[in-house]
Amino acid sequence: MEKNPAASKSSKVSIEKITESIRKNRDQWINELLKESSLMLFLEEHYNTVAISRVKLEFLMRDLKELQNSSIDLVHYSALITQMKEANISIPVANHPLFLNELKSIVKKYGF
């Protein structure tokens, strides 16, 4: 009996679904950090910083909002996309290091 190629394709997770899932997960991280208390906790945990100026805080929040409104960086997330595609899964590990690395790249701009 011949296999139906269309049927086997439908069981594979699409790149679009994977990238959308990664973006959704990233945006959840950002939503949490847009709460001032969560952002300060993040800075304390990762940068031993307990206080920052109001201006720096506002710029950091603005950059996080811009990141949230942008599409995901496919080059940055390529390893995760490939891993998810090979495993045929559509939901990334919630605390994958690539999410943290992207957030840290935003924070580094402000001298942390």
N, C-alpha and C. Protein backbone atom coordinates (compact mmCIF):
# COMPACT_ATOMS: atom_id res chain seq x y z
N MET A 1 0.83 -1.19 0.00
CA MET A 1 0.00 0.00 0.00
C MET A 1 0.88 1.25 0.00
N GLU A 2 0.54 2.23 -0.80
CA GLU A 2 1.32 3.47 -0.91
C GLU A 2 0.93 4.43 0.21
N LYS A 3 1.96 5.05 0.79
CA LYS A 3 1.70 6.03 1.85
C LYS A 3 1.23 7.33 1.24
N ASN A 4 0.35 8.00 1.95
CA ASN A 4 -0.16 9.29 1.51
C ASN A 4 0.78 10.38 2.00
N PRO A 5 1.55 11.05 1.11
CA PRO A 5 2.50 12.07 1.56
C PRO A 5 1.82 13.26 2.24
N ALA A 6 0.62 13.57 1.86
CA ALA A 6 -0.10 14.69 2.48
C ALA A 6 -0.42 14.37 3.94
N ALA A 7 -0.73 13.13 4.23
CA ALA A 7 -1.06 12.74 5.60
C ALA A 7 0.17 12.83 6.50
N SER A 8 1.33 12.41 5.99
CA SER A 8 2.53 12.48 6.81
C SER A 8 2.96 13.93 7.04
N LYS A 9 2.73 14.79 6.07
CA LYS A 9 3.07 16.20 6.23
C LYS A 9 2.22 16.87 7.29
N SER A 10 0.95 16.48 7.38
CA SER A 10 0.06 17.13 8.33
C SER A 10 0.45 16.82 9.78
N SER A 11 1.18 15.73 10.01
CA SER A 11 1.58 15.39 11.38
C SER A 11 2.85 16.13 11.79
N LYS A 12 3.53 16.76 10.86
CA LYS A 12 4.74 17.52 11.17
C LYS A 12 4.36 18.93 11.62
N VAL A 13 5.09 19.41 12.62
CA VAL A 13 4.86 20.76 13.11
C VAL A 13 5.50 21.74 12.13
N SER A 14 4.77 22.76 11.75
CA SER A 14 5.29 23.73 10.79
C SER A 14 6.23 24.72 11.45
N ILE A 15 7.12 25.26 10.65
CA ILE A 15 8.04 26.29 11.12
C ILE A 15 7.25 27.50 11.63
N GLU A 16 6.16 27.82 10.94
CA GLU A 16 5.34 28.96 11.35
C GLU A 16 4.77 28.76 12.75
N LYS A 17 4.30 27.53 13.01
CA LYS A 17 3.75 27.23 14.33
C LYS A 17 4.85 27.30 15.40
N ILE A 18 6.01 26.81 15.06
CA ILE A 18 7.14 26.84 15.99
C ILE A 18 7.53 28.29 16.30
N THR A 19 7.70 29.11 15.26
CA THR A 19 8.12 30.49 15.49
C THR A 19 7.06 31.27 16.26
N GLU A 20 5.80 31.00 15.99
CA GLU A 20 4.72 31.68 16.72
C GLU A 20 4.74 31.27 18.19
N SER A 21 5.01 30.01 18.45
CA SER A 21 5.08 29.51 19.82
C SER A 21 6.26 30.14 20.56
N ILE A 22 7.39 30.25 19.89
CA ILE A 22 8.57 30.89 20.50
C ILE A 22 8.27 32.35 20.81
N ARG A 23 7.64 33.04 19.86
CA ARG A 23 7.31 34.44 20.09
C ARG A 23 6.35 34.59 21.28
N LYS A 24 5.35 33.73 21.34
CA LYS A 24 4.38 33.79 22.43
C LYS A 24 5.09 33.60 23.78
N ASN A 25 6.01 32.64 23.83
CA ASN A 25 6.74 32.37 25.05
C ASN A 25 7.63 33.56 25.42
N ARG A 26 8.32 34.11 24.44
CA ARG A 26 9.17 35.29 24.67
C ARG A 26 8.33 36.46 25.18
N ASP A 27 7.18 36.67 24.56
CA ASP A 27 6.32 37.78 24.95
C ASP A 27 5.77 37.61 26.37
N GLN A 28 5.58 36.37 26.79
CA GLN A 28 5.15 36.13 28.17
C GLN A 28 6.24 36.56 29.15
N TRP A 29 7.48 36.26 28.81
CA TRP A 29 8.61 36.70 29.63
C TRP A 29 8.62 38.22 29.71
N ILE A 30 8.46 38.86 28.57
CA ILE A 30 8.51 40.32 28.52
C ILE A 30 7.35 40.91 29.31
N ASN A 31 6.15 40.36 29.15
CA ASN A 31 4.99 40.85 29.92
C ASN A 31 5.29 40.85 31.40
N GLU A 32 5.92 39.81 31.87
CA GLU A 32 6.26 39.72 33.28
C GLU A 32 7.28 40.81 33.66
N LEU A 33 8.27 41.03 32.80
CA LEU A 33 9.31 42.03 33.10
C LEU A 33 8.80 43.46 32.98
N LEU A 34 7.69 43.65 32.29
CA LEU A 34 7.12 45.00 32.18
C LEU A 34 6.46 45.44 33.49
N LYS A 35 6.39 44.51 34.43
CA LYS A 35 5.96 44.88 35.79
C LYS A 35 7.23 45.31 36.51
N GLU A 36 7.22 46.52 37.04
CA GLU A 36 8.43 47.08 37.63
C GLU A 36 9.05 46.16 38.69
N SER A 37 8.24 45.56 39.54
CA SER A 37 8.78 44.69 40.59
C SER A 37 9.48 43.47 39.99
N SER A 38 8.93 42.92 38.93
CA SER A 38 9.55 41.76 38.28
C SER A 38 10.85 42.15 37.59
N LEU A 39 10.86 43.31 36.97
CA LEU A 39 12.08 43.78 36.30
C LEU A 39 13.18 44.01 37.33
N MET A 40 12.84 44.62 38.45
CA MET A 40 13.84 44.86 39.49
C MET A 40 14.35 43.54 40.08
N LEU A 41 13.48 42.57 40.22
CA LEU A 41 13.89 41.25 40.70
C LEU A 41 14.84 40.59 39.70
N PHE A 42 14.53 40.72 38.41
CA PHE A 42 15.38 40.20 37.34
C PHE A 42 16.77 40.85 37.41
N LEU A 43 16.80 42.17 37.56
CA LEU A 43 18.08 42.90 37.62
C LEU A 43 18.88 42.50 38.86
N GLU A 44 18.18 42.31 39.95
CA GLU A 44 18.87 41.90 41.18
C GLU A 44 19.44 40.49 41.03
N GLU A 45 18.64 39.59 40.48
CA GLU A 45 19.06 38.20 40.33
C GLU A 45 20.21 38.03 39.35
N HIS A 46 20.17 38.74 38.23
CA HIS A 46 21.16 38.53 37.17
C HIS A 46 22.30 39.54 37.17
N TYR A 47 22.11 40.69 37.81
CA TYR A 47 23.11 41.75 37.76
C TYR A 47 23.46 42.34 39.12
N ASN A 48 22.95 41.75 40.19
CA ASN A 48 23.20 42.26 41.55
C ASN A 48 22.89 43.75 41.67
N THR A 49 21.83 44.18 41.01
CA THR A 49 21.41 45.57 41.01
C THR A 49 20.08 45.68 41.76
N VAL A 50 20.03 46.53 42.77
CA VAL A 50 18.81 46.66 43.54
C VAL A 50 18.08 47.98 43.27
N ALA A 51 18.77 48.93 42.62
CA ALA A 51 18.12 50.20 42.32
C ALA A 51 18.71 50.77 41.03
N ILE A 52 17.82 51.39 40.23
CA ILE A 52 18.27 52.10 39.03
C ILE A 52 17.51 53.42 38.95
N SER A 53 18.04 54.32 38.15
CA SER A 53 17.38 55.62 38.02
C SER A 53 16.05 55.45 37.29
N ARG A 54 15.16 56.39 37.55
CA ARG A 54 13.84 56.37 36.90
C ARG A 54 13.99 56.46 35.38
N VAL A 55 14.92 57.27 34.92
CA VAL A 55 15.14 57.44 33.48
C VAL A 55 15.60 56.13 32.85
N LYS A 56 16.56 55.48 33.49
CA LYS A 56 17.06 54.20 32.98
C LYS A 56 15.93 53.16 32.95
N LEU A 57 15.12 53.17 33.99
CA LEU A 57 13.99 52.25 34.07
C LEU A 57 13.01 52.49 32.91
N GLU A 58 12.70 53.74 32.64
CA GLU A 58 11.78 54.07 31.55
C GLU A 58 12.33 53.64 30.20
N PHE A 59 13.63 53.87 29.97
CA PHE A 59 14.24 53.45 28.70
C PHE A 59 14.26 51.93 28.58
N LEU A 60 14.53 51.26 29.65
CA LEU A 60 14.55 49.80 29.64
C LEU A 60 13.15 49.25 29.34
N MET A 61 12.15 49.84 29.97
CA MET A 61 10.76 49.43 29.71
C MET A 61 10.39 49.68 28.25
N ARG A 62 10.81 50.82 27.73
CA ARG A 62 10.51 51.14 26.33
C ARG A 62 11.14 50.10 25.40
N ASP A 63 12.39 49.74 25.66
CA ASP A 63 13.07 48.75 24.83
C ASP A 63 12.41 47.38 24.92
N LEU A 64 11.94 47.02 26.11
CA LEU A 64 11.24 45.74 26.26
C LEU A 64 9.93 45.74 25.48
N LYS A 65 9.22 46.86 25.49
CA LYS A 65 7.98 46.96 24.71
C LYS A 65 8.26 46.86 23.21
N GLU A 66 9.36 47.51 22.77
CA GLU A 66 9.73 47.43 21.35
C GLU A 66 10.07 45.99 20.97
N LEU A 67 10.79 45.31 21.85
CA LEU A 67 11.12 43.91 21.58
C LEU A 67 9.85 43.07 21.49
N GLN A 68 8.92 43.34 22.39
CA GLN A 68 7.66 42.60 22.40
C GLN A 68 6.87 42.83 21.10
N ASN A 69 6.97 44.00 20.54
CA ASN A 69 6.24 44.33 19.31
C ASN A 69 6.96 43.90 18.05
N SER A 70 8.15 43.34 18.20
CA SER A 70 8.92 42.92 17.03
C SER A 70 8.75 41.42 16.81
N SER A 71 9.07 41.00 15.60
CA SER A 71 9.05 39.56 15.32
C SER A 71 10.31 38.96 15.93
N ILE A 72 10.30 37.64 16.09
CA ILE A 72 11.48 37.02 16.70
C ILE A 72 12.64 37.04 15.72
N ASP A 73 13.84 37.07 16.28
CA ASP A 73 15.07 37.04 15.50
C ASP A 73 15.33 35.58 15.13
N LEU A 74 15.08 35.24 13.88
CA LEU A 74 15.19 33.84 13.43
C LEU A 74 16.61 33.32 13.55
N VAL A 75 17.60 34.19 13.37
CA VAL A 75 18.99 33.76 13.51
C VAL A 75 19.28 33.43 14.97
N HIS A 76 18.84 34.30 15.87
CA HIS A 76 19.06 34.08 17.31
C HIS A 76 18.40 32.78 17.77
N TYR A 77 17.22 32.52 17.30
CA TYR A 77 16.46 31.34 17.74
C TYR A 77 16.62 30.13 16.82
N SER A 78 17.53 30.17 15.86
CA SER A 78 17.64 29.09 14.88
C SER A 78 17.92 27.73 15.51
N ALA A 79 18.76 27.68 16.54
CA ALA A 79 19.05 26.39 17.19
C ALA A 79 17.80 25.82 17.85
N LEU A 80 17.02 26.67 18.50
CA LEU A 80 15.79 26.21 19.14
C LEU A 80 14.76 25.78 18.10
N ILE A 81 14.65 26.54 17.02
CA ILE A 81 13.72 26.19 15.94
C ILE A 81 14.08 24.82 15.37
N THR A 82 15.37 24.62 15.10
CA THR A 82 15.83 23.34 14.56
C THR A 82 15.55 22.20 15.53
N GLN A 83 15.85 22.44 16.80
CA GLN A 83 15.61 21.41 17.83
C GLN A 83 14.14 21.05 17.90
N MET A 84 13.27 22.06 17.88
CA MET A 84 11.83 21.80 17.95
C MET A 84 11.33 21.10 16.70
N LYS A 85 11.86 21.49 15.54
CA LYS A 85 11.45 20.88 14.28
C LYS A 85 11.84 19.40 14.26
N GLU A 86 13.08 19.12 14.68
CA GLU A 86 13.56 17.73 14.70
C GLU A 86 12.78 16.88 15.69
N ALA A 87 12.39 17.47 16.83
CA ALA A 87 11.63 16.73 17.83
C ALA A 87 10.13 16.74 17.53
N ASN A 88 9.74 17.51 16.52
CA ASN A 88 8.35 17.64 16.10
C ASN A 88 7.46 18.11 17.26
N ILE A 89 7.95 19.15 17.96
CA ILE A 89 7.17 19.75 19.04
C ILE A 89 6.93 21.22 18.73
N SER A 90 5.83 21.75 19.24
CA SER A 90 5.49 23.14 18.93
C SER A 90 5.59 24.06 20.14
N ILE A 91 5.91 23.51 21.31
CA ILE A 91 5.99 24.34 22.51
C ILE A 91 7.43 24.29 23.03
N PRO A 92 8.10 25.45 23.08
CA PRO A 92 9.48 25.47 23.55
C PRO A 92 9.56 25.29 25.07
N VAL A 93 10.73 24.93 25.53
CA VAL A 93 10.98 24.88 26.97
C VAL A 93 10.79 26.30 27.49
N ALA A 94 9.98 26.46 28.51
CA ALA A 94 9.58 27.79 28.99
C ALA A 94 10.76 28.68 29.39
N ASN A 95 11.79 28.10 29.95
CA ASN A 95 12.91 28.91 30.40
C ASN A 95 14.17 28.62 29.58
N HIS A 96 14.01 28.47 28.30
CA HIS A 96 15.14 28.19 27.42
C HIS A 96 16.16 29.32 27.51
N PRO A 97 17.45 29.01 27.53
CA PRO A 97 18.49 30.04 27.66
C PRO A 97 18.44 31.13 26.57
N LEU A 98 17.93 30.82 25.40
CA LEU A 98 17.87 31.83 24.34
C LEU A 98 16.94 32.98 24.70
N PHE A 99 15.88 32.71 25.46
CA PHE A 99 14.99 33.79 25.91
C PHE A 99 15.75 34.72 26.84
N LEU A 100 16.47 34.12 27.79
CA LEU A 100 17.25 34.90 28.74
C LEU A 100 18.34 35.70 28.03
N ASN A 101 19.02 35.09 27.07
CA ASN A 101 20.07 35.78 26.33
C ASN A 101 19.54 36.99 25.57
N GLU A 102 18.36 36.87 25.00
CA GLU A 102 17.77 37.99 24.27
C GLU A 102 17.45 39.13 25.24
N LEU A 103 16.90 38.80 26.39
CA LEU A 103 16.58 39.83 27.39
C LEU A 103 17.85 40.48 27.92
N LYS A 104 18.87 39.67 28.14
CA LYS A 104 20.15 40.21 28.64
C LYS A 104 20.78 41.15 27.63
N SER A 105 20.59 40.90 26.35
CA SER A 105 21.16 41.80 25.34
C SER A 105 20.52 43.18 25.39
N ILE A 106 19.25 43.24 25.76
CA ILE A 106 18.56 44.52 25.92
C ILE A 106 19.10 45.24 27.16
N VAL A 107 19.22 44.51 28.25
CA VAL A 107 19.64 45.09 29.52
C VAL A 107 21.09 45.58 29.46
N LYS A 108 21.97 44.86 28.73
CA LYS A 108 23.38 45.23 28.63
C LYS A 108 23.59 46.62 28.05
N LYS A 109 22.65 47.07 27.22
CA LYS A 109 22.77 48.41 26.62
C LYS A 109 22.84 49.51 27.69
N TYR A 110 22.36 49.20 28.88
CA TYR A 110 22.27 50.20 29.95
C TYR A 110 23.36 50.02 31.01
N GLY A 111 24.41 49.31 30.64
CA GLY A 111 25.57 49.20 31.50
C GLY A 111 25.48 48.20 32.64
N PHE A 112 24.58 47.26 32.55
CA PHE A 112 24.48 46.25 33.60
C PHE A 112 25.41 45.10 33.30
